[in-house]
Amino acid sequence: QVQLVEAGGGLVQPGGSLRLSCAASGRTFSRSVMGWFRQAPGKEPEFVAARGWGGGDTYYADSVKGRFTISRDNAKNTVYLQMNSLKPEDTAVYYCAARASSAQSYASSIQSYDYWGQGTQVTVSS
């Protein structure tokens, strides 16, 4: 059974940093795009970042570009999201996602992901 388990969320002041992790089990995702999405209260889920495999590209939402960095450790079957210069509007539940296939296109499309974590809350507030 495939599982994605996020960790690292919490409460942080504006301007602060958090590092989210997503550990996968049940299969390897070394040849799959892995990404992060988020959903704020009362809003639709939105794409945050994605990372290809085998030297593939990274993709970021405009709202987080320059502040967030996605990385992955295939040996640990884990993807990370380093979030710096956090703003109150970054407050949301953050979800890790992974694809079953090796396709690398349309990485920002929520429908293209097959596996999802349970989410971790990130709250940015003073």
PDB file of N, CA and C in Angstrom:
ATOM      1  N   GLN A   1       0.847  -1.197   0.000  1.00  0.00           N
ATOM      2  CA  GLN A   1       0.000   0.000   0.000  1.00  0.00           C
ATOM      3  C   GLN A   1       0.880   1.244   0.000  1.00  0.00           C
ATOM      4  N   VAL A   2       0.602   2.126  -0.942  1.00  0.00           N
ATOM      5  CA  VAL A   2       1.391   3.349  -1.057  1.00  0.00           C
ATOM      6  C   VAL A   2       0.925   4.369  -0.019  1.00  0.00           C
ATOM      7  N   GLN A   3       1.901   4.974   0.643  1.00  0.00           N
ATOM      8  CA  GLN A   3       1.587   6.029   1.617  1.00  0.00           C
ATOM      9  C   GLN A   3       2.548   7.191   1.424  1.00  0.00           C
ATOM     10  N   LEU A   4       2.006   8.393   1.537  1.00  0.00           N
ATOM     11  CA  LEU A   4       2.804   9.612   1.573  1.00  0.00           C
ATOM     12  C   LEU A   4       2.508  10.277   2.905  1.00  0.00           C
ATOM     13  N   VAL A   5       3.543  10.541   3.675  1.00  0.00           N
ATOM     14  CA  VAL A   5       3.352  11.100   5.012  1.00  0.00           C
ATOM     15  C   VAL A   5       4.124  12.400   5.124  1.00  0.00           C
ATOM     16  N   GLU A   6       3.367  13.495   5.297  1.00  0.00           N
ATOM     17  CA  GLU A   6       3.991  14.808   5.439  1.00  0.00           C
ATOM     18  C   GLU A   6       4.342  15.089   6.890  1.00  0.00           C
ATOM     19  N   ALA A   7       5.329  15.945   7.072  1.00  0.00           N
ATOM     20  CA  ALA A   7       5.713  16.401   8.397  1.00  0.00           C
ATOM     21  C   ALA A   7       6.345  17.780   8.265  1.00  0.00           C
ATOM     22  N   GLY A   8       6.395  18.505   9.395  1.00  0.00           N
ATOM     23  CA  GLY A   8       7.107  19.771   9.416  1.00  0.00           C
ATOM     24  C   GLY A   8       6.247  21.008   9.467  1.00  0.00           C
ATOM     25  N   GLY A   9       4.935  20.836   9.409  1.00  0.00           N
ATOM     26  CA  GLY A   9       4.072  22.003   9.493  1.00  0.00           C
ATOM     27  C   GLY A   9       4.058  22.593  10.902  1.00  0.00           C
ATOM     28  N   GLY A  10       3.422  23.746  11.030  1.00  0.00           N
ATOM     29  CA  GLY A  10       3.334  24.374  12.335  1.00  0.00           C
ATOM     30  C   GLY A  10       2.985  25.842  12.236  1.00  0.00           C
ATOM     31  N   LEU A  11       3.166  26.525  13.343  1.00  0.00           N
ATOM     32  CA  LEU A  11       2.891  27.957  13.433  1.00  0.00           C
ATOM     33  C   LEU A  11       4.213  28.723  13.345  1.00  0.00           C
ATOM     34  N   VAL A  12       4.248  29.714  12.483  1.00  0.00           N
ATOM     35  CA  VAL A  12       5.470  30.501  12.303  1.00  0.00           C
ATOM     36  C   VAL A  12       5.079  31.958  12.100  1.00  0.00           C
ATOM     37  N   GLN A  13       5.948  32.854  12.519  1.00  0.00           N
ATOM     38  CA  GLN A  13       5.687  34.278  12.342  1.00  0.00           C
ATOM     39  C   GLN A  13       5.986  34.709  10.905  1.00  0.00           C
ATOM     40  N   PRO A  14       5.341  35.762  10.453  1.00  0.00           N
ATOM     41  CA  PRO A  14       5.665  36.281   9.112  1.00  0.00           C
ATOM     42  C   PRO A  14       7.162  36.548   8.974  1.00  0.00           C
ATOM     43  N   GLY A  15       7.704  36.149   7.824  1.00  0.00           N
ATOM     44  CA  GLY A  15       9.136  36.279   7.595  1.00  0.00           C
ATOM     45  C   GLY A  15       9.932  35.064   8.011  1.00  0.00           C
ATOM     46  N   GLY A  16       9.291  34.142   8.703  1.00  0.00           N
ATOM     47  CA  GLY A  16       9.971  32.950   9.178  1.00  0.00           C
ATOM     48  C   GLY A  16      10.071  31.866   8.122  1.00  0.00           C
ATOM     49  N   SER A  17      10.598  30.719   8.544  1.00  0.00           N
ATOM     50  CA  SER A  17      10.832  29.599   7.635  1.00  0.00           C
ATOM     51  C   SER A  17      10.307  28.295   8.224  1.00  0.00           C
ATOM     52  N   LEU A  18       9.947  27.403   7.337  1.00  0.00           N
ATOM     53  CA  LEU A  18       9.583  26.038   7.696  1.00  0.00           C
ATOM     54  C   LEU A  18      10.093  25.114   6.602  1.00  0.00           C
ATOM     55  N   ARG A  19      10.364  23.877   6.980  1.00  0.00           N
ATOM     56  CA  ARG A  19      10.742  22.861   5.994  1.00  0.00           C
ATOM     57  C   ARG A  19       9.796  21.686   6.127  1.00  0.00           C
ATOM     58  N   LEU A  20       9.049  21.438   5.079  1.00  0.00           N
ATOM     59  CA  LEU A  20       8.146  20.305   5.039  1.00  0.00           C
ATOM     60  C   LEU A  20       8.859  19.113   4.415  1.00  0.00           C
ATOM     61  N   SER A  21       8.504  17.940   4.887  1.00  0.00           N
ATOM     62  CA  SER A  21       9.009  16.719   4.278  1.00  0.00           C
ATOM     63  C   SER A  21       7.850  15.794   3.954  1.00  0.00           C
ATOM     64  N   CYS A  22       8.064  14.935   2.987  1.00  0.00           N
ATOM     65  CA  CYS A  22       7.051  13.961   2.580  1.00  0.00           C
ATOM     66  C   CYS A  22       7.760  12.654   2.297  1.00  0.00           C
ATOM     67  N   ALA A  23       7.557  11.694   3.172  1.00  0.00           N
ATOM     68  CA  ALA A  23       8.184  10.391   3.031  1.00  0.00           C
ATOM     69  C   ALA A  23       7.212   9.416   2.391  1.00  0.00           C
ATOM     70  N   ALA A  24       7.661   8.780   1.317  1.00  0.00           N
ATOM     71  CA  ALA A  24       6.824   7.832   0.587  1.00  0.00           C
ATOM     72  C   ALA A  24       7.215   6.408   0.944  1.00  0.00           C
ATOM     73  N   SER A  25       6.226   5.541   0.956  1.00  0.00           N
ATOM     74  CA  SER A  25       6.469   4.123   1.191  1.00  0.00           C
ATOM     75  C   SER A  25       5.520   3.314   0.328  1.00  0.00           C
ATOM     76  N   GLY A  26       5.846   2.058   0.120  1.00  0.00           N
ATOM     77  CA  GLY A  26       5.000   1.177  -0.668  1.00  0.00           C
ATOM     78  C   GLY A  26       5.448   1.028  -2.108  1.00  0.00           C
ATOM     79  N   ARG A  27       6.195   1.990  -2.625  1.00  0.00           N
ATOM     80  CA  ARG A  27       6.793   1.904  -3.950  1.00  0.00           C
ATOM     81  C   ARG A  27       7.819   3.029  -4.064  1.00  0.00           C
ATOM     82  N   THR A  28       8.683   2.917  -5.038  1.00  0.00           N
ATOM     83  CA  THR A  28       9.653   3.967  -5.254  1.00  0.00           C
ATOM     84  C   THR A  28       9.100   5.013  -6.215  1.00  0.00           C
ATOM     85  N   PHE A  29       9.443   6.273  -5.962  1.00  0.00           N
ATOM     86  CA  PHE A  29       9.018   7.361  -6.838  1.00  0.00           C
ATOM     87  C   PHE A  29      10.213   8.033  -7.501  1.00  0.00           C
ATOM     88  N   SER A  30      11.306   7.282  -7.636  1.00  0.00           N
ATOM     89  CA  SER A  30      12.528   7.870  -8.205  1.00  0.00           C
ATOM     90  C   SER A  30      12.348   8.279  -9.665  1.00  0.00           C
ATOM     91  N   ARG A  31      11.354   7.716 -10.355  1.00  0.00           N
ATOM     92  CA  ARG A  31      11.064   8.082 -11.734  1.00  0.00           C
ATOM     93  C   ARG A  31       9.650   8.655 -11.865  1.00  0.00           C
ATOM     94  N   SER A  32       9.251   9.418 -10.846  1.00  0.00           N
ATOM     95  CA  SER A  32       7.928  10.053 -10.852  1.00  0.00           C
ATOM     96  C   SER A  32       8.062  11.500 -10.432  1.00  0.00           C
ATOM     97  N   VAL A  33       7.242  12.348 -11.028  1.00  0.00           N
ATOM     98  CA  VAL A  33       7.149  13.726 -10.559  1.00  0.00           C
ATOM     99  C   VAL A  33       6.499  13.731  -9.177  1.00  0.00           C
ATOM    100  N   MET A  34       7.078  14.515  -8.285  1.00  0.00           N
ATOM    101  CA  MET A  34       6.477  14.702  -6.971  1.00  0.00           C
ATOM    102  C   MET A  34       6.248  16.195  -6.763  1.00  0.00           C
ATOM    103  N   GLY A  35       5.164  16.508  -6.078  1.00  0.00           N
ATOM    104  CA  GLY A  35       4.826  17.918  -5.939  1.00  0.00           C
ATOM    105  C   GLY A  35       4.155  18.254  -4.629  1.00  0.00           C
ATOM    106  N   TRP A  36       3.932  19.548  -4.469  1.00  0.00           N
ATOM    107  CA  TRP A  36       3.229  20.075  -3.299  1.00  0.00           C
ATOM    108  C   TRP A  36       2.072  20.946  -3.764  1.00  0.00           C
ATOM    109  N   PHE A  37       0.957  20.785  -3.090  1.00  0.00           N
ATOM    110  CA  PHE A  37      -0.216  21.609  -3.298  1.00  0.00           C
ATOM    111  C   PHE A  37      -0.649  22.142  -1.939  1.00  0.00           C
ATOM    112  N   ARG A  38      -1.515  23.130  -1.950  1.00  0.00           N
ATOM    113  CA  ARG A  38      -2.018  23.648  -0.675  1.00  0.00           C
ATOM    114  C   ARG A  38      -3.461  24.078  -0.841  1.00  0.00           C
ATOM    115  N   GLN A  39      -4.160  24.094   0.285  1.00  0.00           N
ATOM    116  CA  GLN A  39      -5.560  24.538   0.281  1.00  0.00           C
ATOM    117  C   GLN A  39      -5.803  25.387   1.510  1.00  0.00           C
ATOM    118  N   ALA A  40      -6.159  26.630   1.263  1.00  0.00           N
ATOM    119  CA  ALA A  40      -6.515  27.542   2.339  1.00  0.00           C
ATOM    120  C   ALA A  40      -8.005  27.424   2.629  1.00  0.00           C
ATOM    121  N   PRO A  41      -8.448  27.799   3.812  1.00  0.00           N
ATOM    122  CA  PRO A  41      -9.869  27.699   4.153  1.00  0.00           C
ATOM    123  C   PRO A  41     -10.735  28.459   3.162  1.00  0.00           C
ATOM    124  N   GLY A  42     -11.760  27.788   2.661  1.00  0.00           N
ATOM    125  CA  GLY A  42     -12.692  28.419   1.749  1.00  0.00           C
ATOM    126  C   GLY A  42     -12.182  28.602   0.338  1.00  0.00           C
ATOM    127  N   LYS A  43     -11.024  28.051   0.033  1.00  0.00           N
ATOM    128  CA  LYS A  43     -10.445  28.208  -1.307  1.00  0.00           C
ATOM    129  C   LYS A  43     -10.208  26.860  -1.952  1.00  0.00           C
ATOM    130  N   GLU A  44     -10.057  26.906  -3.281  1.00  0.00           N
ATOM    131  CA  GLU A  44      -9.734  25.698  -4.014  1.00  0.00           C
ATOM    132  C   GLU A  44      -8.271  25.318  -3.779  1.00  0.00           C
ATOM    133  N   PRO A  45      -7.955  24.029  -3.926  1.00  0.00           N
ATOM    134  CA  PRO A  45      -6.540  23.634  -3.840  1.00  0.00           C
ATOM    135  C   PRO A  45      -5.734  24.300  -4.950  1.00  0.00           C
ATOM    136  N   GLU A  46      -4.490  24.622  -4.648  1.00  0.00           N
ATOM    137  CA  GLU A  46      -3.650  25.250  -5.660  1.00  0.00           C
ATOM    138  C   GLU A  46      -2.263  24.622  -5.681  1.00  0.00           C
ATOM    139  N   PHE A  47      -1.679  24.634  -6.851  1.00  0.00           N
ATOM    140  CA  PHE A  47      -0.342  24.124  -7.057  1.00  0.00           C
ATOM    141  C   PHE A  47       0.671  25.023  -6.364  1.00  0.00           C
ATOM    142  N   VAL A  48       1.686  24.400  -5.747  1.00  0.00           N
ATOM    143  CA  VAL A  48       2.759  25.148  -5.106  1.00  0.00           C
ATOM    144  C   VAL A  48       4.085  24.913  -5.833  1.00  0.00           C
ATOM    145  N   ALA A  49       4.491  23.647  -5.933  1.00  0.00           N
ATOM    146  CA  ALA A  49       5.781  23.337  -6.542  1.00  0.00           C
ATOM    147  C   ALA A  49       5.817  21.878  -6.957  1.00  0.00           C
ATOM    148  N   ALA A  50       6.676  21.555  -7.931  1.00  0.00           N
ATOM    149  CA  ALA A  50       6.853  20.173  -8.372  1.00  0.00           C
ATOM    150  C   ALA A  50       8.288  19.984  -8.828  1.00  0.00           C
ATOM    151  N   ARG A  51       8.725  18.738  -8.720  1.00  0.00           N
ATOM    152  CA  ARG A  51      10.095  18.411  -9.107  1.00  0.00           C
ATOM    153  C   ARG A  51      10.083  17.170  -9.965  1.00  0.00           C
ATOM    154  N   GLY A  52      10.706  17.260 -11.129  1.00  0.00           N
ATOM    155  CA  GLY A  52      10.821  16.104 -12.004  1.00  0.00           C
ATOM    156  C   GLY A  52      11.876  15.141 -11.509  1.00  0.00           C
ATOM    157  N   TRP A  53      12.122  14.123 -12.304  1.00  0.00           N
ATOM    158  CA  TRP A  53      13.118  13.127 -11.940  1.00  0.00           C
ATOM    159  C   TRP A  53      14.225  13.078 -12.981  1.00  0.00           C
ATOM    160  N   GLY A  54      15.337  12.473 -12.615  1.00  0.00           N
ATOM    161  CA  GLY A  54      16.442  12.309 -13.538  1.00  0.00           C
ATOM    162  C   GLY A  54      16.953  13.617 -14.102  1.00  0.00           C
ATOM    163  N   GLY A  55      17.066  14.636 -13.252  1.00  0.00           N
ATOM    164  CA  GLY A  55      17.510  15.937 -13.733  1.00  0.00           C
ATOM    165  C   GLY A  55      16.407  16.756 -14.342  1.00  0.00           C
ATOM    166  N   GLY A  56      15.172  16.329 -14.119  1.00  0.00           N
ATOM    167  CA  GLY A  56      14.033  17.056 -14.640  1.00  0.00           C
ATOM    168  C   GLY A  56      13.856  18.416 -14.002  1.00  0.00           C
ATOM    169  N   ASP A  57      12.991  19.197 -14.581  1.00  0.00           N
ATOM    170  CA  ASP A  57      12.803  20.571 -14.165  1.00  0.00           C
ATOM    171  C   ASP A  57      12.079  20.685 -12.828  1.00  0.00           C
ATOM    172  N   THR A  58      12.211  21.857 -12.240  1.00  0.00           N
ATOM    173  CA  THR A  58      11.396  22.222 -11.095  1.00  0.00           C
ATOM    174  C   THR A  58      10.396  23.277 -11.541  1.00  0.00           C
ATOM    175  N   TYR A  59       9.267  23.285 -10.909  1.00  0.00           N
ATOM    176  CA  TYR A  59       8.178  24.196 -11.260  1.00  0.00           C
ATOM    177  C   TYR A  59       7.652  24.830  -9.983  1.00  0.00           C
ATOM    178  N   TYR A  60       7.337  26.120 -10.071  1.00  0.00           N
ATOM    179  CA  TYR A  60       6.823  26.845  -8.917  1.00  0.00           C
ATOM    180  C   TYR A  60       5.646  27.719  -9.313  1.00  0.00           C
ATOM    181  N   ALA A  61       4.709  27.851  -8.396  1.00  0.00           N
ATOM    182  CA  ALA A  61       3.660  28.850  -8.568  1.00  0.00           C
ATOM    183  C   ALA A  61       4.301  30.232  -8.455  1.00  0.00           C
ATOM    184  N   ASP A  62       3.772  31.190  -9.179  1.00  0.00           N
ATOM    185  CA  ASP A  62       4.321  32.544  -9.143  1.00  0.00           C
ATOM    186  C   ASP A  62       4.325  33.108  -7.727  1.00  0.00           C
ATOM    187  N   SER A  63       3.342  32.724  -6.939  1.00  0.00           N
ATOM    188  CA  SER A  63       3.192  33.275  -5.596  1.00  0.00           C
ATOM    189  C   SER A  63       4.290  32.834  -4.633  1.00  0.00           C
ATOM    190  N   VAL A  64       5.012  31.759  -4.978  1.00  0.00           N
ATOM    191  CA  VAL A  64       6.048  31.253  -4.071  1.00  0.00           C
ATOM    192  C   VAL A  64       7.438  31.301  -4.688  1.00  0.00           C
ATOM    193  N   LYS A  65       7.522  31.664  -5.958  1.00  0.00           N
ATOM    194  CA  LYS A  65       8.800  31.686  -6.655  1.00  0.00           C
ATOM    195  C   LYS A  65       9.784  32.614  -5.945  1.00  0.00           C
ATOM    196  N   GLY A  66      10.989  32.127  -5.716  1.00  0.00           N
ATOM    197  CA  GLY A  66      12.004  32.919  -5.028  1.00  0.00           C
ATOM    198  C   GLY A  66      11.977  32.766  -3.516  1.00  0.00           C
ATOM    199  N   ARG A  67      10.909  32.180  -3.003  1.00  0.00           N
ATOM    200  CA  ARG A  67      10.798  31.996  -1.540  1.00  0.00           C
ATOM    201  C   ARG A  67      10.794  30.518  -1.145  1.00  0.00           C
ATOM    202  N   PHE A  68      10.219  29.667  -1.984  1.00  0.00           N
ATOM    203  CA  PHE A  68      10.123  28.239  -1.696  1.00  0.00           C
ATOM    204  C   PHE A  68      11.081  27.472  -2.607  1.00  0.00           C
ATOM    205  N   THR A  69      11.593  26.355  -2.072  1.00  0.00           N
ATOM    206  CA  THR A  69      12.468  25.481  -2.849  1.00  0.00           C
ATOM    207  C   THR A  69      12.048  24.036  -2.638  1.00  0.00           C
ATOM    208  N   ILE A  70      11.804  23.331  -3.736  1.00  0.00           N
ATOM    209  CA  ILE A  70      11.468  21.912  -3.660  1.00  0.00           C
ATOM    210  C   ILE A  70      12.713  21.105  -3.981  1.00  0.00           C
ATOM    211  N   SER A  71      12.902  20.041  -3.218  1.00  0.00           N
ATOM    212  CA  SER A  71      14.028  19.147  -3.466  1.00  0.00           C
ATOM    213  C   SER A  71      13.585  17.726  -3.171  1.00  0.00           C
ATOM    214  N   ARG A  72      14.402  16.786  -3.610  1.00  0.00           N
ATOM    215  CA  ARG A  72      14.041  15.398  -3.363  1.00  0.00           C
ATOM    216  C   ARG A  72      15.289  14.587  -3.094  1.00  0.00           C
ATOM    217  N   ASP A  73      15.109  13.527  -2.304  1.00  0.00           N
ATOM    218  CA  ASP A  73      16.176  12.576  -2.002  1.00  0.00           C
ATOM    219  C   ASP A  73      15.636  11.212  -2.399  1.00  0.00           C
ATOM    220  N   ASN A  74      16.028  10.754  -3.566  1.00  0.00           N
ATOM    221  CA  ASN A  74      15.482   9.485  -4.065  1.00  0.00           C
ATOM    222  C   ASN A  74      15.902   8.305  -3.202  1.00  0.00           C
ATOM    223  N   ALA A  75      17.066   8.385  -2.598  1.00  0.00           N
ATOM    224  CA  ALA A  75      17.523   7.290  -1.738  1.00  0.00           C
ATOM    225  C   ALA A  75      16.591   7.122  -0.538  1.00  0.00           C
ATOM    226  N   LYS A  76      16.002   8.235  -0.119  1.00  0.00           N
ATOM    227  CA  LYS A  76      15.074   8.186   1.024  1.00  0.00           C
ATOM    228  C   LYS A  76      13.618   8.199   0.576  1.00  0.00           C
ATOM    229  N   ASN A  77      13.401   8.260  -0.755  1.00  0.00           N
ATOM    230  CA  ASN A  77      12.032   8.296  -1.283  1.00  0.00           C
ATOM    231  C   ASN A  77      11.245   9.448  -0.651  1.00  0.00           C
ATOM    232  N   THR A  78      11.904  10.589  -0.551  1.00  0.00           N
ATOM    233  CA  THR A  78      11.362  11.732   0.180  1.00  0.00           C
ATOM    234  C   THR A  78      11.498  13.009  -0.645  1.00  0.00           C
ATOM    235  N   VAL A  79      10.476  13.849  -0.541  1.00  0.00           N
ATOM    236  CA  VAL A  79      10.516  15.166  -1.175  1.00  0.00           C
ATOM    237  C   VAL A  79      10.355  16.223  -0.084  1.00  0.00           C
ATOM    238  N   TYR A  80      11.015  17.353  -0.282  1.00  0.00           N
ATOM    239  CA  TYR A  80      11.023  18.415   0.712  1.00  0.00           C
ATOM    240  C   TYR A  80      10.499  19.721   0.109  1.00  0.00           C
ATOM    241  N   LEU A  81      10.011  20.579   0.984  1.00  0.00           N
ATOM    242  CA  LEU A  81       9.641  21.927   0.566  1.00  0.00           C
ATOM    243  C   LEU A  81      10.198  22.898   1.606  1.00  0.00           C
ATOM    244  N   GLN A  82      11.237  23.615   1.231  1.00  0.00           N
ATOM    245  CA  GLN A  82      11.798  24.643   2.090  1.00  0.00           C
ATOM    246  C   GLN A  82      11.059  25.941   1.823  1.00  0.00           C
ATOM    247  N   MET A  83      10.466  26.488   2.874  1.00  0.00           N
ATOM    248  CA  MET A  83       9.643  27.689   2.730  1.00  0.00           C
ATOM    249  C   MET A  83      10.281  28.812   3.543  1.00  0.00           C
ATOM    250  N   ASN A  84      10.706  29.847   2.861  1.00  0.00           N
ATOM    251  CA  ASN A  84      11.324  31.009   3.495  1.00  0.00           C
ATOM    252  C   ASN A  84      10.458  32.240   3.282  1.00  0.00           C
ATOM    253  N   SER A  85      10.728  33.276   4.055  1.00  0.00           N
ATOM    254  CA  SER A  85      10.007  34.551   3.940  1.00  0.00           C
ATOM    255  C   SER A  85       8.503  34.325   3.908  1.00  0.00           C
ATOM    256  N   LEU A  86       8.032  33.527   4.836  1.00  0.00           N
ATOM    257  CA  LEU A  86       6.617  33.156   4.844  1.00  0.00           C
ATOM    258  C   LEU A  86       5.726  34.360   5.096  1.00  0.00           C
ATOM    259  N   LYS A  87       4.562  34.334   4.456  1.00  0.00           N
ATOM    260  CA  LYS A  87       3.577  35.398   4.561  1.00  0.00           C
ATOM    261  C   LYS A  87       2.273  34.823   5.104  1.00  0.00           C
ATOM    262  N   PRO A  88       1.435  35.660   5.697  1.00  0.00           N
ATOM    263  CA  PRO A  88       0.142  35.158   6.188  1.00  0.00           C
ATOM    264  C   PRO A  88      -0.669  34.463   5.095  1.00  0.00           C
ATOM    265  N   GLU A  89      -0.546  34.911   3.866  1.00  0.00           N
ATOM    266  CA  GLU A  89      -1.300  34.284   2.780  1.00  0.00           C
ATOM    267  C   GLU A  89      -0.769  32.900   2.401  1.00  0.00           C
ATOM    268  N   ASP A  90       0.335  32.480   2.988  1.00  0.00           N
ATOM    269  CA  ASP A  90       0.823  31.112   2.787  1.00  0.00           C
ATOM    270  C   ASP A  90       0.120  30.127   3.725  1.00  0.00           C
ATOM    271  N   THR A  91      -0.692  30.630   4.629  1.00  0.00           N
ATOM    272  CA  THR A  91      -1.412  29.769   5.560  1.00  0.00           C
ATOM    273  C   THR A  91      -2.348  28.835   4.805  1.00  0.00           C
ATOM    274  N   ALA A  92      -2.189  27.539   5.039  1.00  0.00           N
ATOM    275  CA  ALA A  92      -2.976  26.532   4.322  1.00  0.00           C
ATOM    276  C   ALA A  92      -2.597  25.154   4.849  1.00  0.00           C
ATOM    277  N   VAL A  93      -3.375  24.168   4.424  1.00  0.00           N
ATOM    278  CA  VAL A  93      -2.951  22.777   4.587  1.00  0.00           C
ATOM    279  C   VAL A  93      -2.140  22.417   3.348  1.00  0.00           C
ATOM    280  N   TYR A  94      -0.949  21.908   3.560  1.00  0.00           N
ATOM    281  CA  TYR A  94      -0.043  21.549   2.471  1.00  0.00           C
ATOM    282  C   TYR A  94      -0.068  20.041   2.260  1.00  0.00           C
ATOM    283  N   TYR A  95      -0.234  19.668   0.996  1.00  0.00           N
ATOM    284  CA  TYR A  95      -0.326  18.265   0.621  1.00  0.00           C
ATOM    285  C   TYR A  95       0.813  17.889  -0.315  1.00  0.00           C
ATOM    286  N   CYS A  96       1.382  16.732  -0.054  1.00  0.00           N
ATOM    287  CA  CYS A  96       2.369  16.137  -0.941  1.00  0.00           C
ATOM    288  C   CYS A  96       1.627  15.243  -1.935  1.00  0.00           C
ATOM    289  N   ALA A  97       2.141  15.168  -3.161  1.00  0.00           N
ATOM    290  CA  ALA A  97       1.513  14.347  -4.177  1.00  0.00           C
ATOM    291  C   ALA A  97       2.577  13.701  -5.064  1.00  0.00           C
ATOM    292  N   ALA A  98       2.223  12.562  -5.636  1.00  0.00           N
ATOM    293  CA  ALA A  98       3.153  11.863  -6.525  1.00  0.00           C
ATOM    294  C   ALA A  98       2.373  11.201  -7.651  1.00  0.00           C
ATOM    295  N   ARG A  99       3.062  11.057  -8.775  1.00  0.00           N
ATOM    296  CA  ARG A  99       2.443  10.400  -9.915  1.00  0.00           C
ATOM    297  C   ARG A  99       2.805   8.925  -9.956  1.00  0.00           C
ATOM    298  N   ALA A 100       1.894   8.135 -10.525  1.00  0.00           N
ATOM    299  CA  ALA A 100       2.172   6.716 -10.720  1.00  0.00           C
ATOM    300  C   ALA A 100       3.061   6.503 -11.948  1.00  0.00           C
ATOM    301  N   SER A 101       2.918   7.387 -12.951  1.00  0.00           N
ATOM    302  CA  SER A 101       3.671   7.210 -14.192  1.00  0.00           C
ATOM    303  C   SER A 101       4.954   8.020 -14.164  1.00  0.00           C
ATOM    304  N   SER A 102       5.750   7.891 -15.221  1.00  0.00           N
ATOM    305  CA  SER A 102       6.996   8.645 -15.339  1.00  0.00           C
ATOM    306  C   SER A 102       6.836   9.918 -16.161  1.00  0.00           C
ATOM    307  N   ALA A 103       5.605  10.249 -16.541  1.00  0.00           N
ATOM    308  CA  ALA A 103       5.366  11.461 -17.327  1.00  0.00           C
ATOM    309  C   ALA A 103       5.786  12.693 -16.539  1.00  0.00           C
ATOM    310  N   GLN A 104       6.387  13.661 -17.252  1.00  0.00           N
ATOM    311  CA  GLN A 104       6.881  14.853 -16.561  1.00  0.00           C
ATOM    312  C   GLN A 104       6.184  16.133 -17.009  1.00  0.00           C
ATOM    313  N   SER A 105       5.240  16.032 -17.924  1.00  0.00           N
ATOM    314  CA  SER A 105       4.564  17.238 -18.392  1.00  0.00           C
ATOM    315  C   SER A 105       3.390  17.591 -17.478  1.00  0.00           C
ATOM    316  N   TYR A 106       2.938  18.850 -17.593  1.00  0.00           N
ATOM    317  CA  TYR A 106       1.776  19.338 -16.845  1.00  0.00           C
ATOM    318  C   TYR A 106       1.925  19.072 -15.353  1.00  0.00           C
ATOM    319  N   ALA A 107       3.081  19.379 -14.818  1.00  0.00           N
ATOM    320  CA  ALA A 107       3.365  19.070 -13.413  1.00  0.00           C
ATOM    321  C   ALA A 107       2.524  19.886 -12.456  1.00  0.00           C
ATOM    322  N   SER A 108       1.915  20.980 -12.921  1.00  0.00           N
ATOM    323  CA  SER A 108       1.094  21.796 -12.032  1.00  0.00           C
ATOM    324  C   SER A 108      -0.358  21.361 -12.005  1.00  0.00           C
ATOM    325  N   SER A 109      -0.691  20.342 -12.782  1.00  0.00           N
ATOM    326  CA  SER A 109      -2.076  19.886 -12.867  1.00  0.00           C
ATOM    327  C   SER A 109      -2.412  18.951 -11.720  1.00  0.00           C
ATOM    328  N   ILE A 110      -3.354  19.366 -10.897  1.00  0.00           N
ATOM    329  CA  ILE A 110      -3.709  18.559  -9.732  1.00  0.00           C
ATOM    330  C   ILE A 110      -4.265  17.203 -10.151  1.00  0.00           C
ATOM    331  N   GLN A 111      -4.934  17.161 -11.301  1.00  0.00           N
ATOM    332  CA  GLN A 111      -5.545  15.908 -11.751  1.00  0.00           C
ATOM    333  C   GLN A 111      -4.522  14.879 -12.200  1.00  0.00           C
ATOM    334  N   SER A 112      -3.289  15.305 -12.411  1.00  0.00           N
ATOM    335  CA  SER A 112      -2.284  14.394 -12.944  1.00  0.00           C
ATOM    336  C   SER A 112      -1.574  13.583 -11.867  1.00  0.00           C
ATOM    337  N   TYR A 113      -1.923  13.806 -10.612  1.00  0.00           N
ATOM    338  CA  TYR A 113      -1.279  13.096  -9.511  1.00  0.00           C
ATOM    339  C   TYR A 113      -2.181  11.976  -8.996  1.00  0.00           C
ATOM    340  N   ASP A 114      -1.547  10.876  -8.634  1.00  0.00           N
ATOM    341  CA  ASP A 114      -2.286   9.668  -8.267  1.00  0.00           C
ATOM    342  C   ASP A 114      -2.270   9.374  -6.770  1.00  0.00           C
ATOM    343  N   TYR A 115      -1.246   9.842  -6.105  1.00  0.00           N
ATOM    344  CA  TYR A 115      -1.095   9.543  -4.681  1.00  0.00           C
ATOM    345  C   TYR A 115      -0.990  10.853  -3.903  1.00  0.00           C
ATOM    346  N   TRP A 116      -1.630  10.874  -2.740  1.00  0.00           N
ATOM    347  CA  TRP A 116      -1.692  12.082  -1.925  1.00  0.00           C
ATOM    348  C   TRP A 116      -1.429  11.768  -0.457  1.00  0.00           C
ATOM    349  N   GLY A 117      -0.770  12.704   0.209  1.00  0.00           N
ATOM    350  CA  GLY A 117      -0.604  12.599   1.644  1.00  0.00           C
ATOM    351  C   GLY A 117      -1.825  13.135   2.370  1.00  0.00           C
ATOM    352  N   GLN A 118      -1.782  13.078   3.684  1.00  0.00           N
ATOM    353  CA  GLN A 118      -2.929  13.488   4.496  1.00  0.00           C
ATOM    354  C   GLN A 118      -2.940  14.990   4.761  1.00  0.00           C
ATOM    355  N   GLY A 119      -1.818  15.647   4.487  1.00  0.00           N
ATOM    356  CA  GLY A 119      -1.741  17.094   4.664  1.00  0.00           C
ATOM    357  C   GLY A 119      -1.110  17.486   5.988  1.00  0.00           C
ATOM    358  N   THR A 120      -0.476  18.645   5.984  1.00  0.00           N
ATOM    359  CA  THR A 120       0.097  19.215   7.205  1.00  0.00           C
ATOM    360  C   THR A 120      -0.228  20.703   7.236  1.00  0.00           C
ATOM    361  N   GLN A 121      -0.663  21.178   8.396  1.00  0.00           N
ATOM    362  CA  GLN A 121      -1.099  22.564   8.527  1.00  0.00           C
ATOM    363  C   GLN A 121       0.092  23.502   8.667  1.00  0.00           C
ATOM    364  N   VAL A 122       0.076  24.551   7.884  1.00  0.00           N
ATOM    365  CA  VAL A 122       1.051  25.639   8.015  1.00  0.00           C
ATOM    366  C   VAL A 122       0.278  26.915   8.315  1.00  0.00           C
ATOM    367  N   THR A 123       0.599  27.534   9.434  1.00  0.00           N
ATOM    368  CA  THR A 123      -0.052  28.777   9.833  1.00  0.00           C
ATOM    369  C   THR A 123       0.993  29.858  10.001  1.00  0.00           C
ATOM    370  N   VAL A 124       0.825  30.952   9.279  1.00  0.00           N
ATOM    371  CA  VAL A 124       1.751  32.083   9.359  1.00  0.00           C
ATOM    372  C   VAL A 124       1.013  33.246  10.003  1.00  0.00           C
ATOM    373  N   SER A 125       1.400  33.553  11.231  1.00  0.00           N
ATOM    374  CA  SER A 125       0.687  34.576  11.984  1.00  0.00           C
ATOM    375  C   SER A 125       1.583  35.131  13.073  1.00  0.00           C
ATOM    376  N   SER A 126       1.371  36.402  13.378  1.00  0.00           N
ATOM    377  CA  SER A 126       2.104  37.020  14.483  1.00  0.00           C
ATOM    378  C   SER A 126       1.292  36.945  15.766  1.00  0.00           C
TER     379      SER A 126
END
